[in-house]
Amino acid sequence: MNTQLRSFYFNNIYDVRVQIINSEPWFCLNDVCKALTVINSSDLLSKQLDKAG
């Protein structure tokens, strides 16, 4: 498995970590929630996101 950690800045404010796994980007949910001003990332994960991707 080929993995690589990168980060970029969303709106030049928020550092969003991205891990490249098998040539596909996997975004850090906590970082994305901060950039989108989602308050409770745990709630979002358990109730709204598809666990299968």
Protein backbone atom coordinates (compact mmCIF):
# COMPACT_ATOMS: atom_id res chain seq x y z
CA MET A 1 0.00 0.00 0.00
CA ASN A 2 1.39 3.39 -1.02
CA THR A 3 0.53 6.20 1.44
CA GLN A 4 1.61 9.80 1.52
CA LEU A 5 0.51 12.64 3.83
CA ARG A 6 -0.03 16.10 2.38
CA SER A 7 -1.85 19.21 3.45
CA PHE A 8 -3.27 22.24 1.74
CA TYR A 9 -4.89 25.46 2.85
CA PHE A 10 -8.60 25.99 2.25
CA ASN A 11 -9.35 29.69 1.70
CA ASN A 12 -5.78 30.37 2.92
CA ILE A 13 -7.00 29.84 6.49
CA TYR A 14 -7.69 26.17 7.20
CA ASP A 15 -4.99 23.51 7.03
CA VAL A 16 -6.65 20.38 5.63
CA ARG A 17 -4.64 17.17 5.82
CA VAL A 18 -4.93 14.73 2.95
CA GLN A 19 -3.47 11.26 2.87
CA ILE A 20 -2.89 9.73 -0.55
CA ILE A 21 -3.72 6.02 -0.38
CA ASN A 22 -3.34 3.98 -3.56
CA SER A 23 -3.39 7.19 -5.63
CA GLU A 24 -6.67 8.38 -4.06
CA PRO A 25 -7.09 11.32 -1.65
CA TRP A 26 -8.46 10.63 1.84
CA PHE A 27 -9.35 13.87 3.65
CA CYS A 28 -9.14 14.29 7.42
CA LEU A 29 -12.77 14.63 8.53
CA ASN A 30 -11.96 16.88 11.46
CA ASP A 31 -10.04 19.32 9.25
CA VAL A 32 -12.81 19.40 6.62
CA CYS A 33 -15.45 20.02 9.30
CA LYS A 34 -13.46 22.95 10.68
CA ALA A 35 -13.13 24.46 7.18
CA LEU A 36 -16.87 24.06 6.58
CA THR A 37 -17.74 25.22 10.14
CA VAL A 38 -19.41 21.93 11.05
CA ILE A 39 -19.45 21.94 14.85
CA ASN A 40 -19.78 18.24 15.71
CA SER A 41 -17.77 16.00 13.39
CA SER A 42 -18.58 12.90 15.48
CA ASP A 43 -22.28 13.47 15.02
CA LEU A 44 -21.81 13.97 11.29
CA LEU A 45 -19.81 10.77 11.02
CA SER A 46 -22.26 8.60 12.93
CA LYS A 47 -25.52 9.94 11.49
CA GLN A 48 -24.98 11.36 8.03
CA LEU A 49 -21.95 9.92 6.25
CA ASP A 50 -22.04 6.59 4.43
CA LYS A 51 -19.57 4.32 6.27
CA ALA A 52 -18.82 2.47 3.03
CA GLY A 53 -17.53 5.67 1.45
